[in-house]
C-alpha cells in the first residue's frame, strides 16, 4: 500500500506517487494537493502543468482526449500553462481558507471563479458516473479546474459544508467530508494518518511499560 512521505520531503511526480483522493468531494481533494499542509515545510504537488493534468486525470475532471490536447498546447505555450497553474494554486488556497474559516470575502472570490466558468450544459462520463462537463473552444488551460469550481459551489449550497473536517494530525491538515452517521471520522485516512497515530500510541505505551 502506498504510504505518504514525511513532512518536509520533496515528493516525486504524481506519475510515481499517485494522487490520494480521500476528501469525499472533488474540491476537497483539490485542496489536498499540498502534502503536510500544516507542517512547517509543506510539499507542493502541483509543481507544473503536467502535474495538474495527471491529478485531473486521476480525479476525472478531464478525459484522456482533453489531457493530450492540453499537454500539446502547454508544450506550444509554456508561459500560459505556467500562469494557469499559478491561478489554480491561488484558487486552491481560497478553497482551503473557505472550508476552514469561511468569510464573505472568500465566497466572493469563489463567485468570481463561477462567473468565469463555462455554463453547465452538458453531461459527460466520469468513470462509471456522469458529471457536468465544460466545453469551450480553443485551448482553455483552466479546463481541469472548472469542475472543481462547480464542486465547491455545490458543496456550499448543499448544506454539507458543515461536515468538512481537518485531519486529526495537525501536520497533515488535509480536508475531508465526514459522511459518518455519528460524524466521528478523525483522520484523512486510517491507512495513513490513522495508522501512524496508532503506532505512536503503541510506542508510548511500550516505553511507559
N, C-alpha and C. Protein backbone atom coordinates (compact mmCIF):
# COMPACT_ATOMS: atom_id res chain seq x y z
N UNK A 1 0.85 -1.20 0.00
CA UNK A 1 0.00 0.00 0.00
C UNK A 1 0.89 1.25 0.00
N UNK A 2 0.53 2.21 -0.83
CA UNK A 2 1.31 3.42 -0.95
C UNK A 2 1.24 4.24 0.33
N UNK A 3 2.39 4.67 0.82
CA UNK A 3 2.47 5.48 2.04
C UNK A 3 2.90 6.89 1.70
N UNK A 4 2.45 7.84 2.48
CA UNK A 4 2.90 9.22 2.29
C UNK A 4 4.27 9.41 2.89
N UNK A 5 5.05 10.27 2.25
CA UNK A 5 6.38 10.59 2.77
C UNK A 5 6.23 11.44 4.03
N UNK A 6 7.36 11.71 4.67
CA UNK A 6 7.36 12.50 5.89
C UNK A 6 7.25 13.99 5.57
N UNK A 7 6.81 14.81 6.54
CA UNK A 7 6.75 16.26 6.32
C UNK A 7 8.11 16.81 5.92
N UNK A 8 8.10 17.75 4.98
CA UNK A 8 9.35 18.37 4.55
C UNK A 8 10.03 17.65 3.41
N UNK A 9 9.57 16.44 3.07
CA UNK A 9 10.18 15.69 1.98
C UNK A 9 9.75 16.30 0.64
N UNK A 10 10.62 16.20 -0.36
CA UNK A 10 10.27 16.60 -1.72
C UNK A 10 9.64 15.39 -2.39
N UNK A 11 8.40 15.52 -2.80
CA UNK A 11 7.68 14.39 -3.35
C UNK A 11 8.03 14.19 -4.82
N UNK A 12 8.04 12.94 -5.27
CA UNK A 12 8.21 12.68 -6.70
C UNK A 12 6.94 13.06 -7.46
N UNK A 13 7.00 12.92 -8.77
CA UNK A 13 5.86 13.25 -9.62
C UNK A 13 4.64 12.40 -9.27
N UNK A 14 3.46 12.94 -9.60
CA UNK A 14 2.23 12.17 -9.48
C UNK A 14 2.28 10.91 -10.36
N UNK A 15 3.17 10.89 -11.34
CA UNK A 15 3.33 9.68 -12.15
C UNK A 15 3.83 8.53 -11.28
N UNK A 16 4.61 8.86 -10.25
CA UNK A 16 5.20 7.85 -9.37
C UNK A 16 4.39 7.71 -8.09
N UNK A 17 4.10 8.83 -7.46
CA UNK A 17 3.37 8.85 -6.19
C UNK A 17 1.97 9.36 -6.49
N UNK A 18 1.06 8.44 -6.77
CA UNK A 18 -0.25 8.75 -7.32
C UNK A 18 -1.08 9.62 -6.37
N UNK A 19 -1.99 10.42 -6.92
CA UNK A 19 -2.88 11.22 -6.07
C UNK A 19 -3.71 10.34 -5.14
N UNK A 20 -3.86 10.80 -3.92
CA UNK A 20 -4.72 10.11 -2.95
C UNK A 20 -5.99 10.94 -2.81
N UNK A 21 -7.09 10.38 -3.25
CA UNK A 21 -8.37 11.08 -3.28
C UNK A 21 -9.22 10.58 -2.12
N UNK A 22 -9.06 11.22 -0.98
CA UNK A 22 -9.73 10.76 0.24
C UNK A 22 -10.68 11.81 0.81
N UNK A 23 -10.86 12.94 0.10
CA UNK A 23 -11.63 14.05 0.65
C UNK A 23 -13.13 13.87 0.64
N UNK A 24 -13.63 12.99 -0.22
CA UNK A 24 -15.08 12.79 -0.29
C UNK A 24 -15.79 13.83 -1.13
N UNK A 25 -15.07 14.81 -1.64
CA UNK A 25 -15.62 15.82 -2.54
C UNK A 25 -14.46 16.30 -3.41
N UNK A 26 -14.74 16.53 -4.68
CA UNK A 26 -13.70 16.91 -5.61
C UNK A 26 -12.92 18.14 -5.14
N UNK A 27 -13.65 19.15 -4.67
CA UNK A 27 -12.99 20.39 -4.26
C UNK A 27 -12.06 20.16 -3.07
N UNK A 28 -12.41 19.24 -2.18
CA UNK A 28 -11.55 18.95 -1.02
C UNK A 28 -10.33 18.16 -1.46
N UNK A 29 -10.50 17.24 -2.41
CA UNK A 29 -9.34 16.53 -2.93
C UNK A 29 -8.36 17.51 -3.58
N UNK A 30 -8.89 18.54 -4.21
CA UNK A 30 -8.00 19.55 -4.83
C UNK A 30 -7.25 20.33 -3.75
N UNK A 31 -7.92 20.69 -2.67
CA UNK A 31 -7.24 21.35 -1.56
C UNK A 31 -6.08 20.48 -1.06
N UNK A 32 -6.25 19.17 -1.14
CA UNK A 32 -5.25 18.25 -0.61
C UNK A 32 -4.11 17.96 -1.58
N UNK A 33 -3.93 18.82 -2.57
CA UNK A 33 -2.77 18.66 -3.46
C UNK A 33 -1.52 19.29 -2.84
N UNK A 34 -1.60 19.68 -1.58
CA UNK A 34 -0.43 20.04 -0.78
C UNK A 34 -0.24 18.95 0.27
N UNK A 35 0.94 18.36 0.31
CA UNK A 35 1.23 17.35 1.33
C UNK A 35 1.67 18.04 2.61
N UNK A 36 1.12 17.57 3.74
CA UNK A 36 1.50 18.09 5.05
C UNK A 36 1.30 19.60 5.12
N UNK A 37 0.08 20.00 4.79
CA UNK A 37 -0.26 21.43 4.75
C UNK A 37 0.01 22.12 6.07
N UNK A 38 -0.15 21.43 7.20
CA UNK A 38 0.03 22.07 8.50
C UNK A 38 1.44 22.00 9.04
N UNK A 39 2.36 21.41 8.30
CA UNK A 39 3.75 21.28 8.76
C UNK A 39 4.53 22.55 8.43
N UNK A 40 5.68 22.75 9.06
CA UNK A 40 6.48 23.94 8.76
C UNK A 40 6.89 24.03 7.30
N UNK A 41 7.10 22.88 6.66
CA UNK A 41 7.51 22.87 5.25
C UNK A 41 6.57 21.97 4.45
N UNK A 42 5.42 22.50 4.05
CA UNK A 42 4.51 21.71 3.22
C UNK A 42 5.17 21.36 1.88
N UNK A 43 4.68 20.31 1.24
CA UNK A 43 5.22 19.87 -0.05
C UNK A 43 4.18 20.11 -1.14
N UNK A 44 4.52 20.97 -2.08
CA UNK A 44 3.64 21.28 -3.20
C UNK A 44 3.67 20.13 -4.21
N UNK A 45 2.48 19.68 -4.64
CA UNK A 45 2.43 18.63 -5.65
C UNK A 45 2.16 19.18 -7.05
N UNK A 46 1.53 20.35 -7.15
CA UNK A 46 1.24 20.93 -8.47
C UNK A 46 2.43 21.77 -8.91
N UNK A 47 3.53 21.11 -9.19
CA UNK A 47 4.78 21.81 -9.49
C UNK A 47 4.87 22.30 -10.93
N UNK A 48 4.03 21.78 -11.82
CA UNK A 48 3.98 22.27 -13.19
C UNK A 48 2.65 21.83 -13.81
N UNK A 49 2.45 22.24 -15.04
CA UNK A 49 1.15 21.96 -15.68
C UNK A 49 0.93 20.47 -15.89
N UNK A 50 2.02 19.75 -16.17
CA UNK A 50 1.90 18.31 -16.34
C UNK A 50 1.36 17.64 -15.10
N UNK A 51 1.79 18.09 -13.92
CA UNK A 51 1.30 17.51 -12.67
C UNK A 51 -0.19 17.82 -12.46
N UNK A 52 -0.60 19.03 -12.84
CA UNK A 52 -2.03 19.36 -12.76
C UNK A 52 -2.85 18.43 -13.65
N UNK A 53 -2.35 18.14 -14.85
CA UNK A 53 -3.07 17.26 -15.75
C UNK A 53 -3.14 15.83 -15.21
N UNK A 54 -2.06 15.34 -14.62
CA UNK A 54 -2.06 13.99 -14.06
C UNK A 54 -3.07 13.91 -12.92
N UNK A 55 -3.07 14.93 -12.05
CA UNK A 55 -4.05 14.94 -10.96
C UNK A 55 -5.47 14.98 -11.53
N UNK A 56 -5.69 15.82 -12.52
CA UNK A 56 -7.02 15.95 -13.11
C UNK A 56 -7.47 14.64 -13.75
N UNK A 57 -6.54 13.90 -14.34
CA UNK A 57 -6.86 12.57 -14.87
C UNK A 57 -7.37 11.66 -13.75
N UNK A 58 -6.62 11.64 -12.64
CA UNK A 58 -6.99 10.76 -11.52
C UNK A 58 -8.33 11.16 -10.92
N UNK A 59 -8.58 12.47 -10.83
CA UNK A 59 -9.82 12.97 -10.24
C UNK A 59 -10.96 13.03 -11.24
N UNK A 60 -10.65 12.75 -12.52
CA UNK A 60 -11.64 12.70 -13.59
C UNK A 60 -12.31 14.04 -13.83
N UNK A 61 -11.50 15.11 -13.75
CA UNK A 61 -12.05 16.41 -14.14
C UNK A 61 -11.86 16.66 -15.64
N UNK A 62 -11.02 15.86 -16.29
CA UNK A 62 -10.86 15.90 -17.74
C UNK A 62 -10.78 14.47 -18.24
N UNK A 63 -11.03 14.29 -19.54
CA UNK A 63 -10.87 12.97 -20.13
C UNK A 63 -9.50 12.88 -20.80
N UNK A 64 -9.18 11.70 -21.28
CA UNK A 64 -7.85 11.48 -21.85
C UNK A 64 -7.61 12.34 -23.09
N UNK A 65 -8.64 12.50 -23.91
CA UNK A 65 -8.50 13.31 -25.12
C UNK A 65 -8.16 14.75 -24.75
N UNK A 66 -8.84 15.28 -23.75
CA UNK A 66 -8.56 16.65 -23.31
C UNK A 66 -7.17 16.75 -22.71
N UNK A 67 -6.76 15.75 -21.96
CA UNK A 67 -5.41 15.71 -21.39
C UNK A 67 -4.38 15.86 -22.49
N UNK A 68 -4.48 15.05 -23.52
CA UNK A 68 -3.49 15.07 -24.60
C UNK A 68 -3.51 16.40 -25.35
N UNK A 69 -4.71 16.95 -25.56
CA UNK A 69 -4.81 18.24 -26.25
C UNK A 69 -4.16 19.35 -25.44
N UNK A 70 -4.43 19.36 -24.13
CA UNK A 70 -3.85 20.41 -23.28
C UNK A 70 -2.36 20.21 -23.09
N UNK A 71 -1.92 18.98 -23.05
CA UNK A 71 -0.49 18.70 -22.94
C UNK A 71 0.26 19.25 -24.15
N UNK A 72 -0.30 19.05 -25.35
CA UNK A 72 0.31 19.59 -26.55
C UNK A 72 0.26 21.12 -26.55
N UNK A 73 -0.85 21.68 -26.10
CA UNK A 73 -0.96 23.14 -26.04
C UNK A 73 0.05 23.73 -25.07
N UNK A 74 0.28 23.06 -23.94
CA UNK A 74 1.25 23.54 -22.95
C UNK A 74 2.66 23.52 -23.51
N UNK A 75 2.96 22.54 -24.35
CA UNK A 75 4.29 22.48 -24.99
C UNK A 75 4.48 23.65 -25.95
N UNK A 76 3.38 24.08 -26.59
CA UNK A 76 3.46 25.21 -27.51
C UNK A 76 3.52 26.54 -26.77
N UNK A 77 2.88 26.62 -25.62
CA UNK A 77 2.80 27.89 -24.89
C UNK A 77 3.05 27.62 -23.41
N UNK A 78 4.29 27.33 -23.02
CA UNK A 78 4.57 27.01 -21.62
C UNK A 78 4.28 28.15 -20.66
N UNK A 79 4.39 29.39 -21.12
CA UNK A 79 4.11 30.53 -20.25
C UNK A 79 2.66 30.57 -19.83
N UNK A 80 1.75 30.35 -20.79
CA UNK A 80 0.32 30.35 -20.46
C UNK A 80 -0.03 29.18 -19.56
N UNK A 81 0.61 28.03 -19.78
CA UNK A 81 0.35 26.87 -18.94
C UNK A 81 0.82 27.12 -17.51
N UNK A 82 2.00 27.74 -17.37
CA UNK A 82 2.52 28.05 -16.04
C UNK A 82 1.61 29.05 -15.33
N UNK A 83 1.10 30.03 -16.07
CA UNK A 83 0.18 31.00 -15.48
C UNK A 83 -1.09 30.32 -14.99
N UNK A 84 -1.57 29.33 -15.73
CA UNK A 84 -2.77 28.60 -15.32
C UNK A 84 -2.53 27.83 -14.03
N UNK A 85 -1.34 27.25 -13.89
CA UNK A 85 -1.01 26.53 -12.65
C UNK A 85 -1.01 27.51 -11.47
N UNK A 86 -0.42 28.67 -11.67
CA UNK A 86 -0.38 29.68 -10.60
C UNK A 86 -1.80 30.09 -10.20
N UNK A 87 -2.67 30.26 -11.20
CA UNK A 87 -4.07 30.60 -10.90
C UNK A 87 -4.77 29.48 -10.15
N UNK A 88 -4.51 28.24 -10.58
CA UNK A 88 -5.14 27.09 -9.94
C UNK A 88 -4.71 26.98 -8.49
N UNK A 89 -3.44 27.22 -8.22
CA UNK A 89 -2.93 27.14 -6.84
C UNK A 89 -3.55 28.25 -5.99
N UNK A 90 -3.66 29.45 -6.55
CA UNK A 90 -4.29 30.55 -5.81
C UNK A 90 -5.75 30.21 -5.49
N UNK A 91 -6.44 29.60 -6.45
CA UNK A 91 -7.82 29.19 -6.21
C UNK A 91 -7.89 28.10 -5.15
N UNK A 92 -6.95 27.17 -5.20
CA UNK A 92 -6.90 26.11 -4.18
C UNK A 92 -6.78 26.70 -2.79
N UNK A 93 -5.94 27.70 -2.63
CA UNK A 93 -5.75 28.30 -1.30
C UNK A 93 -6.99 29.08 -0.87
N UNK A 94 -7.73 29.63 -1.82
CA UNK A 94 -9.02 30.24 -1.49
C UNK A 94 -9.97 29.18 -0.93
N UNK A 95 -10.00 28.01 -1.58
CA UNK A 95 -10.87 26.93 -1.11
C UNK A 95 -10.43 26.44 0.27
N UNK A 96 -9.14 26.31 0.48
CA UNK A 96 -8.64 25.84 1.78
C UNK A 96 -9.11 26.76 2.89
N UNK A 97 -9.04 28.06 2.63
CA UNK A 97 -9.49 29.03 3.64
C UNK A 97 -11.00 29.01 3.77
N UNK A 98 -11.70 28.89 2.65
CA UNK A 98 -13.16 28.94 2.65
C UNK A 98 -13.76 27.79 3.45
N UNK A 99 -13.14 26.61 3.38
CA UNK A 99 -13.71 25.45 4.06
C UNK A 99 -13.15 25.24 5.47
N UNK A 100 -12.25 26.11 5.90
CA UNK A 100 -11.76 26.03 7.28
C UNK A 100 -12.17 27.25 8.10
N UNK A 101 -12.19 28.43 7.48
CA UNK A 101 -12.60 29.65 8.18
C UNK A 101 -13.36 30.54 7.20
N UNK A 102 -14.60 30.17 6.86
CA UNK A 102 -15.33 30.89 5.82
C UNK A 102 -15.58 32.35 6.18
N UNK A 103 -15.41 33.20 5.17
CA UNK A 103 -15.67 34.63 5.31
C UNK A 103 -16.34 35.11 4.03
N UNK A 104 -17.14 36.18 4.10
CA UNK A 104 -17.81 36.67 2.90
C UNK A 104 -16.85 36.98 1.76
N UNK A 105 -15.67 37.50 2.07
CA UNK A 105 -14.71 37.82 1.02
C UNK A 105 -14.28 36.58 0.25
N UNK A 106 -14.20 35.44 0.94
CA UNK A 106 -13.81 34.20 0.27
C UNK A 106 -14.93 33.69 -0.63
N UNK A 107 -16.17 33.86 -0.20
CA UNK A 107 -17.30 33.50 -1.04
C UNK A 107 -17.30 34.34 -2.31
N UNK A 108 -16.96 35.61 -2.18
CA UNK A 108 -16.91 36.48 -3.35
C UNK A 108 -15.81 36.05 -4.32
N UNK A 109 -14.70 35.53 -3.79
CA UNK A 109 -13.65 35.02 -4.68
C UNK A 109 -14.16 33.80 -5.44
N UNK A 110 -14.89 32.94 -4.75
CA UNK A 110 -15.47 31.79 -5.43
C UNK A 110 -16.48 32.26 -6.48
N UNK A 111 -17.28 33.26 -6.14
CA UNK A 111 -18.24 33.80 -7.11
C UNK A 111 -17.53 34.33 -8.36
N UNK A 112 -16.37 34.92 -8.18
CA UNK A 112 -15.61 35.42 -9.32
C UNK A 112 -15.18 34.28 -10.23
N UNK A 113 -14.80 33.16 -9.64
CA UNK A 113 -14.45 31.99 -10.44
C UNK A 113 -15.69 31.41 -11.12
N UNK A 114 -16.79 31.38 -10.43
CA UNK A 114 -18.03 30.89 -11.04
C UNK A 114 -18.43 31.75 -12.24
N UNK A 115 -18.19 33.05 -12.15
CA UNK A 115 -18.52 33.94 -13.26
C UNK A 115 -17.65 33.66 -14.48
N UNK A 116 -16.43 33.20 -14.24
CA UNK A 116 -15.51 32.88 -15.34
C UNK A 116 -15.78 31.50 -15.94
N UNK A 117 -16.34 30.61 -15.15
CA UNK A 117 -16.51 29.21 -15.58
C UNK A 117 -17.54 29.11 -16.69
N UNK A 118 -17.37 28.13 -17.58
CA UNK A 118 -18.39 27.91 -18.61
C UNK A 118 -19.70 27.43 -18.00
N UNK A 119 -20.77 27.64 -18.72
CA UNK A 119 -22.07 27.17 -18.24
C UNK A 119 -22.13 25.65 -18.28
N UNK A 120 -22.89 25.10 -17.34
CA UNK A 120 -23.02 23.65 -17.28
C UNK A 120 -24.21 23.23 -18.16
N UNK A 121 -23.91 22.86 -19.37
CA UNK A 121 -24.96 22.49 -20.32
C UNK A 121 -24.83 21.06 -20.82
N UNK A 122 -23.78 20.36 -20.40
CA UNK A 122 -23.53 19.04 -20.96
C UNK A 122 -23.06 18.09 -19.88
N UNK A 123 -23.57 16.86 -19.92
CA UNK A 123 -23.10 15.80 -19.05
C UNK A 123 -22.14 14.91 -19.81
N UNK A 124 -21.15 14.41 -19.09
CA UNK A 124 -20.17 13.51 -19.69
C UNK A 124 -19.82 12.42 -18.70
N UNK A 125 -19.29 11.33 -19.22
CA UNK A 125 -18.90 10.22 -18.36
C UNK A 125 -17.74 10.63 -17.47
N UNK A 126 -17.82 10.25 -16.19
CA UNK A 126 -16.73 10.45 -15.23
C UNK A 126 -16.55 9.11 -14.53
N UNK A 127 -15.72 8.25 -15.12
CA UNK A 127 -15.62 6.89 -14.60
C UNK A 127 -16.93 6.16 -14.90
N UNK A 128 -17.54 5.62 -13.87
CA UNK A 128 -18.82 4.92 -14.04
C UNK A 128 -20.02 5.84 -13.86
N UNK A 129 -19.76 7.11 -13.53
CA UNK A 129 -20.82 8.06 -13.26
C UNK A 129 -20.90 9.12 -14.36
N UNK A 130 -21.84 10.02 -14.20
CA UNK A 130 -21.95 11.18 -15.07
C UNK A 130 -21.64 12.43 -14.27
N UNK A 131 -21.05 13.41 -14.93
CA UNK A 131 -20.72 14.67 -14.26
C UNK A 131 -20.86 15.80 -15.26
N UNK A 132 -20.98 17.02 -14.74
CA UNK A 132 -21.01 18.18 -15.61
C UNK A 132 -19.67 18.31 -16.31
N UNK A 133 -19.72 18.69 -17.57
CA UNK A 133 -18.50 18.84 -18.37
C UNK A 133 -18.44 20.25 -18.93
N UNK A 134 -17.23 20.80 -18.95
CA UNK A 134 -17.02 22.12 -19.53
C UNK A 134 -16.67 21.97 -21.00
N UNK A 135 -17.23 22.85 -21.82
CA UNK A 135 -16.84 22.84 -23.23
C UNK A 135 -16.60 24.26 -23.67
N UNK A 136 -15.38 24.50 -24.11
CA UNK A 136 -15.03 25.80 -24.66
C UNK A 136 -14.17 25.59 -25.89
N UNK A 137 -14.20 26.56 -26.79
CA UNK A 137 -13.35 26.47 -27.97
C UNK A 137 -11.93 26.86 -27.61
N UNK A 138 -10.97 26.33 -28.37
CA UNK A 138 -9.58 26.69 -28.14
C UNK A 138 -8.96 25.93 -26.98
N UNK A 139 -7.77 26.38 -26.61
CA UNK A 139 -7.01 25.74 -25.55
C UNK A 139 -7.28 26.46 -24.23
N UNK A 140 -8.20 25.93 -23.47
CA UNK A 140 -8.53 26.51 -22.17
C UNK A 140 -7.68 25.81 -21.12
N UNK A 141 -6.58 26.44 -20.73
CA UNK A 141 -5.65 25.79 -19.80
C UNK A 141 -6.27 25.56 -18.42
N UNK A 142 -7.34 26.24 -18.12
CA UNK A 142 -8.01 26.05 -16.84
C UNK A 142 -9.13 25.01 -16.91
N UNK A 143 -9.24 24.32 -18.02
CA UNK A 143 -10.29 23.30 -18.15
C UNK A 143 -10.31 22.30 -17.01
N UNK A 144 -9.14 21.85 -16.48
CA UNK A 144 -9.18 20.90 -15.36
C UNK A 144 -9.79 21.47 -14.08
N UNK A 145 -9.86 22.80 -13.99
CA UNK A 145 -10.26 23.46 -12.74
C UNK A 145 -11.77 23.69 -12.67
N UNK A 146 -12.44 23.82 -13.82
CA UNK A 146 -13.86 24.21 -13.78
C UNK A 146 -14.73 23.22 -13.00
N UNK A 147 -14.56 21.92 -13.15
CA UNK A 147 -15.37 21.01 -12.31
C UNK A 147 -15.11 21.19 -10.82
N UNK A 148 -13.91 21.63 -10.46
CA UNK A 148 -13.60 21.88 -9.05
C UNK A 148 -14.38 23.10 -8.56
N UNK A 149 -14.47 24.12 -9.40
CA UNK A 149 -15.25 25.32 -9.06
C UNK A 149 -16.70 24.92 -8.79
N UNK A 150 -17.26 24.13 -9.68
CA UNK A 150 -18.66 23.69 -9.51
C UNK A 150 -18.82 22.85 -8.25
N UNK A 151 -17.84 21.98 -7.99
CA UNK A 151 -17.90 21.12 -6.81
C UNK A 151 -17.93 21.96 -5.53
N UNK A 152 -17.10 23.00 -5.47
CA UNK A 152 -17.06 23.84 -4.28
C UNK A 152 -18.40 24.54 -4.07
N UNK A 153 -18.97 25.08 -5.15
CA UNK A 153 -20.27 25.76 -5.04
C UNK A 153 -21.36 24.77 -4.62
N UNK A 154 -21.35 23.58 -5.22
CA UNK A 154 -22.35 22.58 -4.88
C UNK A 154 -22.26 22.16 -3.42
N UNK A 155 -21.03 22.01 -2.92
CA UNK A 155 -20.86 21.61 -1.53
C UNK A 155 -21.39 22.69 -0.59
N UNK A 156 -21.15 23.94 -0.92
CA UNK A 156 -21.61 25.03 -0.07
C UNK A 156 -23.13 25.12 -0.02
N UNK A 157 -23.77 24.99 -1.19
CA UNK A 157 -25.22 25.16 -1.21
C UNK A 157 -25.96 23.90 -0.74
N UNK A 158 -25.26 22.77 -0.67
CA UNK A 158 -25.89 21.52 -0.25
C UNK A 158 -26.15 21.47 1.25
N UNK A 159 -25.48 22.34 1.99
CA UNK A 159 -25.59 22.29 3.45
C UNK A 159 -24.63 21.30 4.08
N UNK A 160 -23.84 20.61 3.25
CA UNK A 160 -22.92 19.60 3.76
C UNK A 160 -21.56 20.18 4.16
N UNK A 161 -21.34 21.46 3.89
CA UNK A 161 -20.04 22.06 4.22
C UNK A 161 -19.76 22.01 5.73
N UNK A 162 -20.82 21.92 6.54
CA UNK A 162 -20.62 21.83 7.99
C UNK A 162 -19.97 20.51 8.37
N UNK A 163 -19.95 19.55 7.44
CA UNK A 163 -19.33 18.25 7.72
C UNK A 163 -17.86 18.19 7.28
N UNK A 164 -17.34 19.30 6.78
CA UNK A 164 -15.93 19.31 6.39
C UNK A 164 -15.06 19.32 7.63
N UNK A 165 -14.13 18.40 7.69
CA UNK A 165 -13.22 18.28 8.82
C UNK A 165 -11.77 18.36 8.34
N UNK A 166 -10.90 18.67 9.29
CA UNK A 166 -9.46 18.64 9.03
C UNK A 166 -8.87 17.42 9.72
N UNK A 167 -7.91 16.79 9.10
CA UNK A 167 -7.30 15.58 9.65
C UNK A 167 -6.81 15.82 11.08
N UNK A 168 -6.98 14.79 11.92
CA UNK A 168 -6.57 14.89 13.32
C UNK A 168 -5.08 15.09 13.51
N UNK A 169 -4.28 14.77 12.50
CA UNK A 169 -2.85 15.07 12.56
C UNK A 169 -2.68 16.49 12.03
N UNK A 170 -2.38 17.41 12.92
CA UNK A 170 -2.32 18.83 12.53
C UNK A 170 -1.24 19.10 11.50
N UNK A 171 -0.23 18.25 11.43
CA UNK A 171 0.78 18.44 10.39
C UNK A 171 0.21 18.13 9.01
N UNK A 172 -0.69 17.17 8.96
CA UNK A 172 -1.32 16.79 7.69
C UNK A 172 -2.30 17.87 7.25
N UNK A 173 -3.33 18.11 8.07
CA UNK A 173 -4.33 19.16 7.82
C UNK A 173 -5.10 18.97 6.52
N UNK A 174 -5.11 17.75 5.98
CA UNK A 174 -5.96 17.51 4.81
C UNK A 174 -7.42 17.62 5.21
N UNK A 175 -8.24 18.05 4.26
CA UNK A 175 -9.67 18.21 4.50
C UNK A 175 -10.43 17.01 3.96
N UNK A 176 -11.55 16.70 4.60
CA UNK A 176 -12.41 15.62 4.13
C UNK A 176 -13.84 15.90 4.56
N UNK A 177 -14.78 15.26 3.86
CA UNK A 177 -16.19 15.37 4.19
C UNK A 177 -16.55 14.19 5.09
N UNK A 178 -16.94 14.49 6.31
CA UNK A 178 -17.26 13.45 7.29
C UNK A 178 -18.68 12.97 7.04
N UNK A 179 -18.79 11.85 6.32
CA UNK A 179 -20.10 11.31 5.99
C UNK A 179 -20.57 10.27 6.99
N UNK A 180 -19.78 10.01 8.02
CA UNK A 180 -20.16 9.02 9.02
C UNK A 180 -21.41 9.49 9.77
N UNK A 181 -22.27 8.55 10.13
CA UNK A 181 -23.53 8.91 10.78
C UNK A 181 -23.30 9.69 12.07
N UNK A 182 -22.33 9.29 12.85
CA UNK A 182 -22.06 9.98 14.11
C UNK A 182 -21.07 11.12 13.99
N UNK A 183 -20.65 11.40 12.75
CA UNK A 183 -19.67 12.48 12.50
C UNK A 183 -18.44 12.32 13.40
N UNK A 184 -17.91 11.11 13.44
CA UNK A 184 -16.78 10.85 14.33
C UNK A 184 -15.49 10.55 13.57
N UNK A 185 -15.50 10.71 12.25
CA UNK A 185 -14.27 10.46 11.49
C UNK A 185 -13.19 11.46 11.94
N UNK A 186 -12.01 10.95 12.17
CA UNK A 186 -10.93 11.79 12.70
C UNK A 186 -9.78 11.99 11.73
N UNK A 187 -9.53 10.98 10.90
CA UNK A 187 -8.33 11.01 10.07
C UNK A 187 -8.69 11.14 8.59
N UNK A 188 -7.77 11.73 7.84
CA UNK A 188 -7.99 11.79 6.38
C UNK A 188 -8.08 10.37 5.83
N UNK A 189 -7.27 9.45 6.37
CA UNK A 189 -7.39 8.04 6.03
C UNK A 189 -6.81 7.22 7.18
N UNK A 190 -7.45 6.10 7.49
CA UNK A 190 -6.93 5.22 8.52
C UNK A 190 -5.64 4.57 8.08
N UNK A 191 -5.49 4.33 6.77
CA UNK A 191 -4.29 3.68 6.27
C UNK A 191 -3.05 4.56 6.43
N UNK A 192 -3.24 5.86 6.45
CA UNK A 192 -2.12 6.77 6.57
C UNK A 192 -2.01 7.37 7.96
N UNK A 193 -2.64 8.51 8.15
CA UNK A 193 -2.52 9.23 9.42
C UNK A 193 -3.10 8.43 10.59
N UNK A 194 -4.17 7.69 10.35
CA UNK A 194 -4.75 6.89 11.43
C UNK A 194 -3.80 5.82 11.93
N UNK A 195 -3.15 5.12 11.02
CA UNK A 195 -2.19 4.08 11.43
C UNK A 195 -0.96 4.67 12.09
N UNK A 196 -0.51 5.83 11.61
CA UNK A 196 0.64 6.46 12.25
C UNK A 196 0.31 6.85 13.69
N UNK A 197 -0.90 7.35 13.91
CA UNK A 197 -1.31 7.73 15.27
C UNK A 197 -1.36 6.50 16.17
N UNK A 198 -1.89 5.39 15.65
CA UNK A 198 -1.93 4.16 16.44
C UNK A 198 -0.53 3.67 16.77
N UNK A 199 0.38 3.79 15.81
CA UNK A 199 1.75 3.35 16.04
C UNK A 199 2.42 4.21 17.11
N UNK A 200 2.14 5.53 17.10
CA UNK A 200 2.72 6.41 18.12
C UNK A 200 2.18 6.06 19.49
N UNK A 201 0.87 5.80 19.58
CA UNK A 201 0.29 5.44 20.88
C UNK A 201 0.87 4.12 21.38
N UNK A 202 1.06 3.17 20.50
CA UNK A 202 1.64 1.88 20.89
C UNK A 202 3.06 2.07 21.40
N UNK A 203 3.82 2.93 20.72
CA UNK A 203 5.20 3.17 21.12
C UNK A 203 5.25 3.81 22.50
N UNK A 204 4.35 4.79 22.75
CA UNK A 204 4.33 5.44 24.07
C UNK A 204 3.97 4.46 25.17
N UNK A 205 2.98 3.61 24.90
CA UNK A 205 2.61 2.60 25.91
C UNK A 205 3.75 1.64 26.17
N UNK A 206 4.47 1.26 25.13
CA UNK A 206 5.59 0.34 25.27
C UNK A 206 6.70 0.96 26.12
N UNK A 207 6.97 2.24 25.87
CA UNK A 207 8.01 2.92 26.65
C UNK A 207 7.59 3.09 28.09
N UNK A 208 6.30 3.42 28.29
CA UNK A 208 5.82 3.60 29.66
C UNK A 208 5.88 2.29 30.44
N UNK A 209 5.63 1.19 29.75
CA UNK A 209 5.69 -0.12 30.41
C UNK A 209 7.13 -0.50 30.77
